[in-house]
């Protein structure tokens, strides 16, 4: 992608032309568009500003983008905020033609949405903080009861001083904890993968366990976490707009409480800003 100054790529995925794209904003609203409604452009094109496609409110930015086939394909939408609040609501409640978007969560003062995912009640949720802590819990109705669109949500994870939620990833039912990994990466280009089995399921609302050892001075801060397997590839998106592709099998496997090794080589002044994965279909 050709980027304007100070712009970065944060969301990168594949979708069918008839899929819906749900745009969750930092202010807790959800907008939608069909993939075929987006402008078609070449690989190096800059693209069109989303404000020309969707009626965003002032100061709204995209926090998460979800691709779905239809509103019956998955029953729930789960939203996570920077302060560690999570909320599950029926996905069908967002099936609306309202151009001004729908309220997806009522946010407390100073909080904002950082991640969202479409799931089933049999799935699990993994929350990971910027300081390298993680918490895994089930998304069933007993642990995380469904709420209406305008509800505030419940505490998903608590944090130590100066920490906050980085991201939320969903773990599908019947996932193989031995063959799947949690891959984490820092903005300095370091990363590692750890077997999902090392992340035991806990109750919602705790501090959790270590996901990575963070040394901000030498290796940077945590910027991404993904659930992957050996056949996947990852795309590391940099602050210059370039995309670096790496096979998961080439990333060193280590324990949770480790720093990781060099994942991508970066030029001076360039950092990794986000990660996404390419799965082998």
Protein backbone atom coordinates (compact mmCIF):
# COMPACT_ATOMS: atom_id res chain seq x y z
CA UNK A 1 0.00 0.00 0.00
CA UNK A 2 1.09 3.56 -0.69
CA UNK A 3 0.60 5.49 2.56
CA UNK A 4 0.32 9.12 3.50
CA UNK A 5 2.80 10.46 6.03
CA UNK A 6 2.09 9.26 9.60
CA UNK A 7 -0.37 6.64 8.34
CA UNK A 8 0.11 2.93 9.03
CA UNK A 9 -1.56 -0.35 8.05
CA UNK A 10 -3.39 -1.97 10.98
CA UNK A 11 -5.86 -4.44 9.41
CA UNK A 12 -4.97 -6.94 6.70
CA UNK A 13 -7.16 -9.90 5.69
CA UNK A 14 -8.89 -11.65 2.81
CA UNK A 15 -12.65 -11.69 2.17
CA UNK A 16 -15.27 -12.62 -0.42
CA UNK A 17 -17.00 -9.84 -2.37
CA UNK A 18 -20.35 -10.74 -0.78
CA UNK A 19 -19.09 -10.82 2.82
CA UNK A 20 -20.06 -8.15 5.31
CA UNK A 21 -17.32 -6.07 6.92
CA UNK A 22 -18.11 -4.83 10.42
CA UNK A 23 -16.10 -1.78 11.46
CA UNK A 24 -15.83 -1.41 15.25
CA UNK A 25 -14.64 2.04 16.28
CA UNK A 26 -12.68 3.16 19.31
CA UNK A 27 -15.80 4.96 20.57
CA UNK A 28 -17.85 1.77 20.68
CA UNK A 29 -19.95 2.01 17.53
CA UNK A 30 -20.25 -0.51 14.71
CA UNK A 31 -20.67 0.29 11.01
CA UNK A 32 -20.95 -2.11 8.11
CA UNK A 33 -20.32 -2.40 4.39
CA UNK A 34 -20.32 -5.13 1.78
CA UNK A 35 -16.86 -5.97 0.44
CA UNK A 36 -17.98 -5.19 -3.12
CA UNK A 37 -18.92 -1.65 -1.99
CA UNK A 38 -15.28 -0.85 -1.27
CA UNK A 39 -13.25 0.75 -4.08
CA UNK A 40 -11.26 -1.77 -6.11
CA UNK A 41 -7.62 -0.72 -6.42
CA UNK A 42 -4.18 -2.08 -7.22
CA UNK A 43 -1.70 -3.44 -4.69
CA UNK A 44 0.26 -0.17 -4.50
CA UNK A 45 -2.77 2.14 -4.46
CA UNK A 46 -3.42 4.41 -1.49
CA UNK A 47 -7.11 3.60 -1.19
CA UNK A 48 -10.02 5.78 -0.15
CA UNK A 49 -10.59 7.27 3.28
CA UNK A 50 -13.18 5.29 5.23
CA UNK A 51 -14.97 8.55 6.11
CA UNK A 52 -16.00 8.70 2.44
CA UNK A 53 -17.69 5.31 2.79
CA UNK A 54 -19.08 5.35 6.34
CA UNK A 55 -20.64 8.14 8.40
CA UNK A 56 -18.13 8.18 11.26
CA UNK A 57 -18.59 10.53 14.20
CA UNK A 58 -15.88 13.14 14.93
CA UNK A 59 -12.66 11.62 16.35
CA UNK A 60 -13.81 8.05 15.63
CA UNK A 61 -11.11 5.65 14.44
CA UNK A 62 -11.27 1.98 13.48
CA UNK A 63 -10.40 -0.36 16.35
CA UNK A 64 -11.28 -3.67 14.70
CA UNK A 65 -12.61 -5.00 11.40
CA UNK A 66 -14.49 -8.31 11.23
CA UNK A 67 -15.48 -10.18 8.09
CA UNK A 68 -18.62 -12.34 8.29
CA UNK A 69 -20.56 -14.30 5.67
CA UNK A 70 -23.90 -13.38 7.26
CA UNK A 71 -25.36 -12.59 10.67
CA UNK A 72 -26.32 -16.21 11.34
CA UNK A 73 -22.86 -17.69 10.72
CA UNK A 74 -21.74 -16.94 14.30
CA UNK A 75 -24.04 -16.17 17.25
CA UNK A 76 -22.10 -13.57 19.25
CA UNK A 77 -19.96 -10.46 18.98
CA UNK A 78 -17.40 -9.99 21.77
CA UNK A 79 -15.82 -6.59 22.36
CA UNK A 80 -12.80 -5.79 24.55
CA UNK A 81 -11.69 -2.37 25.79
CA UNK A 82 -8.36 -0.88 26.79
CA UNK A 83 -9.27 -1.04 30.49
CA UNK A 84 -9.95 -4.79 30.29
CA UNK A 85 -13.76 -4.72 30.01
CA UNK A 86 -15.36 -7.38 27.79
CA UNK A 87 -18.92 -7.67 26.48
CA UNK A 88 -20.76 -10.39 24.55
CA UNK A 89 -23.92 -9.60 22.62
CA UNK A 90 -25.98 -11.36 19.91
CA UNK A 91 -24.51 -10.72 16.46
CA UNK A 92 -27.98 -10.42 14.90
CA UNK A 93 -28.54 -7.22 16.89
CA UNK A 94 -26.12 -5.50 14.52
CA UNK A 95 -28.02 -6.42 11.34
CA UNK A 96 -29.21 -2.92 10.53
CA UNK A 97 -29.11 -0.58 7.52
CA UNK A 98 -28.62 2.46 9.74
CA UNK A 99 -25.87 4.50 8.08
CA UNK A 100 -24.91 6.32 11.27
CA UNK A 101 -23.75 3.12 12.93
CA UNK A 102 -25.04 1.32 16.01
CA UNK A 103 -23.96 1.54 19.63
CA UNK A 104 -22.02 -1.65 20.38
CA UNK A 105 -20.93 -0.86 23.96
CA UNK A 106 -21.34 1.96 26.48
CA UNK A 107 -17.83 3.03 27.44
CA UNK A 108 -16.69 4.43 30.75
CA UNK A 109 -14.90 7.79 30.71
CA UNK A 110 -11.40 7.48 29.28
CA UNK A 111 -11.91 3.96 27.94
CA UNK A 112 -11.99 2.83 24.31
CA UNK A 113 -12.48 -0.31 22.23
CA UNK A 114 -9.28 -2.12 21.20
CA UNK A 115 -10.52 -5.43 19.78
CA UNK A 116 -13.60 -7.40 18.73
CA UNK A 117 -14.38 -10.89 17.46
CA UNK A 118 -17.36 -12.94 16.26
CA UNK A 119 -17.54 -16.18 18.28
CA UNK A 120 -19.68 -19.04 19.59
CA UNK A 121 -20.35 -19.69 23.29
CA UNK A 122 -18.13 -22.78 23.06
CA UNK A 123 -15.07 -20.71 22.13
CA UNK A 124 -12.51 -19.30 24.53
CA UNK A 125 -11.08 -15.81 24.84
CA UNK A 126 -7.41 -14.89 25.31
CA UNK A 127 -6.66 -11.37 26.52
CA UNK A 128 -3.07 -10.07 26.28
CA UNK A 129 -1.77 -6.86 27.85
CA UNK A 130 0.94 -4.49 26.65
CA UNK A 131 3.16 -5.48 29.57
CA UNK A 132 3.04 -9.13 28.50
CA UNK A 133 0.35 -10.60 30.76
CA UNK A 134 -2.40 -12.91 29.48
CA UNK A 135 -5.72 -14.35 30.63
CA UNK A 136 -7.63 -17.21 29.01
CA UNK A 137 -11.26 -17.98 29.88
CA UNK A 138 -14.33 -19.61 28.36
CA UNK A 139 -16.94 -17.55 26.53
CA UNK A 140 -19.93 -19.64 27.63
CA UNK A 141 -22.99 -17.89 29.04
CA UNK A 142 -22.05 -18.74 32.63
CA UNK A 143 -18.68 -17.01 32.39
CA UNK A 144 -19.71 -14.28 29.95
CA UNK A 145 -23.45 -13.75 29.76
CA UNK A 146 -24.95 -12.07 26.68
CA UNK A 147 -25.91 -8.41 27.06
CA UNK A 148 -27.72 -5.83 24.98
CA UNK A 149 -25.91 -3.52 22.58
CA UNK A 150 -25.87 -0.54 24.93
CA UNK A 151 -24.58 -2.43 28.00
CA UNK A 152 -21.20 -1.56 29.55
CA UNK A 153 -19.85 -5.10 29.89
CA UNK A 154 -17.94 -6.83 32.69
CA UNK A 155 -14.33 -7.01 33.87
CA UNK A 156 -12.41 -9.39 31.63
CA UNK A 157 -8.90 -8.79 32.97
CA UNK A 158 -7.27 -6.74 35.71
CA UNK A 159 -3.89 -5.05 35.31
CA UNK A 160 -0.91 -4.02 37.34
CA UNK A 161 0.25 -0.39 37.34
CA UNK A 162 0.66 1.30 33.94
CA UNK A 163 -0.61 -1.73 32.03
CA UNK A 164 -3.58 -2.00 29.66
CA UNK A 165 -5.13 -4.39 27.17
CA UNK A 166 -3.27 -4.82 23.89
CA UNK A 167 -5.53 -7.28 22.10
CA UNK A 168 -8.10 -10.04 22.36
CA UNK A 169 -8.01 -13.24 20.31
CA UNK A 170 -10.64 -15.98 20.15
CA UNK A 171 -9.80 -19.68 20.48
CA UNK A 172 -12.29 -21.85 18.56
CA UNK A 173 -13.88 -24.87 20.21
CA UNK A 174 -11.86 -28.11 19.90
CA UNK A 175 -8.62 -26.25 19.18
CA UNK A 176 -5.53 -28.43 19.51
CA UNK A 177 -3.56 -26.81 22.34
CA UNK A 178 -0.44 -28.78 21.42
CA UNK A 179 -0.38 -27.99 17.70
CA UNK A 180 -1.44 -24.36 18.06
CA UNK A 181 0.70 -21.53 19.35
CA UNK A 182 0.43 -18.02 20.73
CA UNK A 183 2.77 -15.87 18.66
CA UNK A 184 3.79 -12.53 20.16
CA UNK A 185 5.90 -9.74 18.67
CA UNK A 186 7.41 -6.44 19.79
CA UNK A 187 7.73 -3.19 17.86
CA UNK A 188 11.49 -3.77 17.79
CA UNK A 189 10.99 -6.79 15.51
CA UNK A 190 11.39 -9.60 18.07
CA UNK A 191 8.95 -12.48 18.40
CA UNK A 192 8.32 -16.00 19.66
CA UNK A 193 5.72 -18.73 19.64
CA UNK A 194 4.56 -20.67 22.67
CA UNK A 195 2.28 -23.75 22.68
CA UNK A 196 -1.30 -22.77 23.48
CA UNK A 197 -1.30 -25.55 26.10
CA UNK A 198 0.93 -23.36 28.30
CA UNK A 199 -1.92 -20.85 28.58
CA UNK A 200 -4.25 -22.64 30.99
CA UNK A 201 -7.88 -21.59 31.18
CA UNK A 202 -8.65 -19.42 34.21
CA UNK A 203 -11.59 -17.51 35.56
CA UNK A 204 -12.54 -14.18 34.03
CA UNK A 205 -11.44 -11.08 35.94
CA UNK A 206 -7.94 -12.03 37.11
CA UNK A 207 -4.46 -10.67 36.37
CA UNK A 208 -3.48 -13.78 34.42
CA UNK A 209 -0.07 -15.27 33.63
CA UNK A 210 3.02 -14.12 31.71
CA UNK A 211 2.77 -14.21 27.91
CA UNK A 212 6.15 -12.62 27.24
CA UNK A 213 9.10 -11.10 29.06
CA UNK A 214 9.22 -7.43 28.07
CA UNK A 215 12.43 -5.39 27.86
CA UNK A 216 11.36 -2.07 26.36
CA UNK A 217 14.92 -0.75 26.20
CA UNK A 218 16.40 -3.48 24.01
CA UNK A 219 13.51 -5.25 22.29
CA UNK A 220 10.58 -2.87 22.36
CA UNK A 221 6.99 -3.07 23.57
CA UNK A 222 4.45 -5.75 22.71
CA UNK A 223 2.46 -4.81 19.59
CA UNK A 224 0.75 -8.02 18.50
CA UNK A 225 -0.40 -11.51 19.46
CA UNK A 226 -1.95 -14.22 17.28
CA UNK A 227 -3.16 -17.82 17.51
CA UNK A 228 -1.26 -19.75 14.81
CA UNK A 229 -0.15 -23.21 13.71
CA UNK A 230 2.91 -24.48 11.84
CA UNK A 231 1.30 -24.20 8.40
CA UNK A 232 0.43 -20.51 8.83
CA UNK A 233 2.45 -17.53 7.72
CA UNK A 234 2.50 -14.17 9.46
CA UNK A 235 2.63 -10.69 8.01
CA UNK A 236 4.50 -8.10 10.05
CA UNK A 237 3.32 -4.63 9.06
CA UNK A 238 5.81 -1.83 9.65
CA UNK A 239 5.50 1.90 10.29
CA UNK A 240 6.71 2.55 6.72
CA UNK A 241 3.77 0.59 5.29
CA UNK A 242 5.81 -2.40 4.13
CA UNK A 243 4.68 -5.97 4.82
CA UNK A 244 7.18 -8.67 5.77
CA UNK A 245 6.09 -12.30 5.39
CA UNK A 246 7.45 -15.07 7.63
CA UNK A 247 6.58 -18.75 8.04
CA UNK A 248 5.40 -19.60 11.55
CA UNK A 249 7.52 -22.76 11.49
CA UNK A 250 10.62 -20.55 11.22
CA UNK A 251 9.80 -18.65 14.43
CA UNK A 252 11.53 -20.07 17.48
CA UNK A 253 9.34 -22.01 19.94
CA UNK A 254 9.94 -20.95 23.56
CA UNK A 255 8.10 -20.78 26.88
CA UNK A 256 5.72 -18.05 27.97
CA UNK A 257 8.15 -16.11 30.18
CA UNK A 258 10.82 -15.45 27.53
CA UNK A 259 11.81 -12.52 25.32
CA UNK A 260 11.92 -14.16 21.91
CA UNK A 261 14.36 -13.72 19.02
CA UNK A 262 14.71 -11.52 15.94
CA UNK A 263 11.55 -11.91 13.84
CA UNK A 264 12.11 -9.27 11.15
CA UNK A 265 15.01 -6.98 10.27
CA UNK A 266 14.16 -3.29 10.45
CA UNK A 267 15.87 -0.17 9.19
CA UNK A 268 16.66 2.66 11.62
CA UNK A 269 13.54 4.49 12.74
CA UNK A 270 11.17 1.78 11.48
CA UNK A 271 9.05 -0.28 13.87
CA UNK A 272 6.58 -3.14 13.66
CA UNK A 273 3.07 -1.78 14.25
CA UNK A 274 0.86 -4.85 13.85
CA UNK A 275 0.66 -8.53 12.93
CA UNK A 276 -1.76 -10.62 10.94
CA UNK A 277 -1.67 -14.20 9.71
CA UNK A 278 -2.17 -15.98 6.41
CA UNK A 279 -3.72 -19.41 6.95
CA UNK A 280 -3.29 -22.30 4.56
CA UNK A 281 -6.78 -23.06 3.25
